[in-house]
Amino acid sequence: LPRRTSPSWTPSRTRLCSVPMNGRRQRPHERVTRWKASDASPKRGRDRVGFDVRRDAFRRMVADEKFEVLIEDDCEALNAHEAAIFLEFGCTVGDPSFDGRPTLVYTTQPYLDDDDGGAYYVDVRGLLVESQSRALKTLHTSRNLANGGTLGIDGRLYFCFQGAKLGTKEAHPAGVSSVDPHNWDDWRVEVETWQQRPFNSPNDIVQSQTTGSFFFTDPCYAAAQGFAPPALLGDWVWRLDPDGCASVVADNFSRPNGIAFSPDETQLYVTDTGFVVGDGTSDRSKPRSVYAFDVVHETTTKPNVGTKQLLANRRLLYVADQGVPDGIKVDVRGFIYTGCADGVHVVDPKTGCLQGKILIKGNDGGAANLCFGRGPKFERTLFILAEAAIVAVHFQDPDSRGAVFGAERAERGKG
């Protein structure tokens, strides 16, 4: 989703503290920045986070108001934007102080690199979530602009790439690619065209645990922002089957954005952020909504695809009163958590009723994306990407555990 500030904002090179290596400037993938735990003091954190209780269920969730501001800086330096993915067993990057430790992976907003002719880049970064020194490491840097992401059932990380338009150079195609978090040289393109047409700018993605198919959104934000060529396809929701075939499963969106399954995969939730046009303007007549679909199964004779999932019975579930609902996740009871301009809105999917808000204060970007932790220690922790801060909210209610999607590996995969 585009940065939700004034239309005059211009991205620039990230200002991460780095130490020169052999007398030369570090490239983005060589940077490691460390914040001391005192940088996120309770006093500063108390000013950053608040709770707006609307229903008793939310009151029980946040009864002790326990949270941490893991890290905060200015928006350009931290740039905590999309693809929140928690890895209990961490990543492998060849750094003993970093490897194998609980890590939150995220992608930045596009920034300009003046050393490369003004090309736009996006970083995939990892933050250690439980160390005294909050190490933040750039894991991958690409001119093919990464956006949303998810953990796959094979242990790989799957990212949406928005593509890129590089002046007179050949444009990078938009699509979906994956990487082994324990081998950052092992990138694979999963899909980048449909009937020889490029995708617009895939935004967010989720994988079905039952069929292995991916569902992803494809709004035309990159074209609206000037990062990619003009869109040739509609603003649609797609299904990518294990055999590599992509199919449109939902249309009639203005800007489809966040996407998530219900815990039992009988429902699929999609946010529409058409209110934010993408060119620095907003259109109050467009959606700022969460829609729900029934997921139905149809038997198929296609090799390696036992059944295919279709979407039916579209219905409006929730309209955000502040900004737009961007990233979206669910807990084990089915409650929906979506990032909006004032923080995270928690919604009951049965009624569409707002249960409460986790307010992110003093930050123009609101909450762009979020994810639950994994494993006994982190499963009731919600990690929130708030552009200039990363916040961890610890829930008291045992039902406020993240629904588990994907399967993590502790070491490099084979094949």
Foldseek 3Di string as FASTA:
>chain_A
DDFQDFLPDAFAAADADADDDPPDDDDQQPGKHWDAQCQFPPVNVVQFWDWFFDAVVVCQFCVVVDKTFQDFDDLRHPQFFAAWEWDCQAFADPDVVGHGHTKTWGKGDWHFDVVVVRQTKMFTWIWRRPDSITMIGTNDMDSQAWAYWYFAQQAKIKTWTQWFDDDPDDTGFTAIKIDRRHDRVDIDGLDADDPPFGAQTWHYWAADPPFRKMKTWGFNLCVLQVGGPGGPDARFIWIQGPVSHIDTQDHPAQHWAAWDAFLVRQKIKIWGQNQCVNSRHGDPVHAQFIKMWGWDWDADPDPSGGIDIHTHDIDTQEGDPAHHFHYWFAFNVGWIWTWGQQEIWTADRVRSDTRIGTGGPPARRTFHYWAFYDDPVTQQWIWTRRSRTIMITGTDDPRSGGRDHHDHDNHGDDD
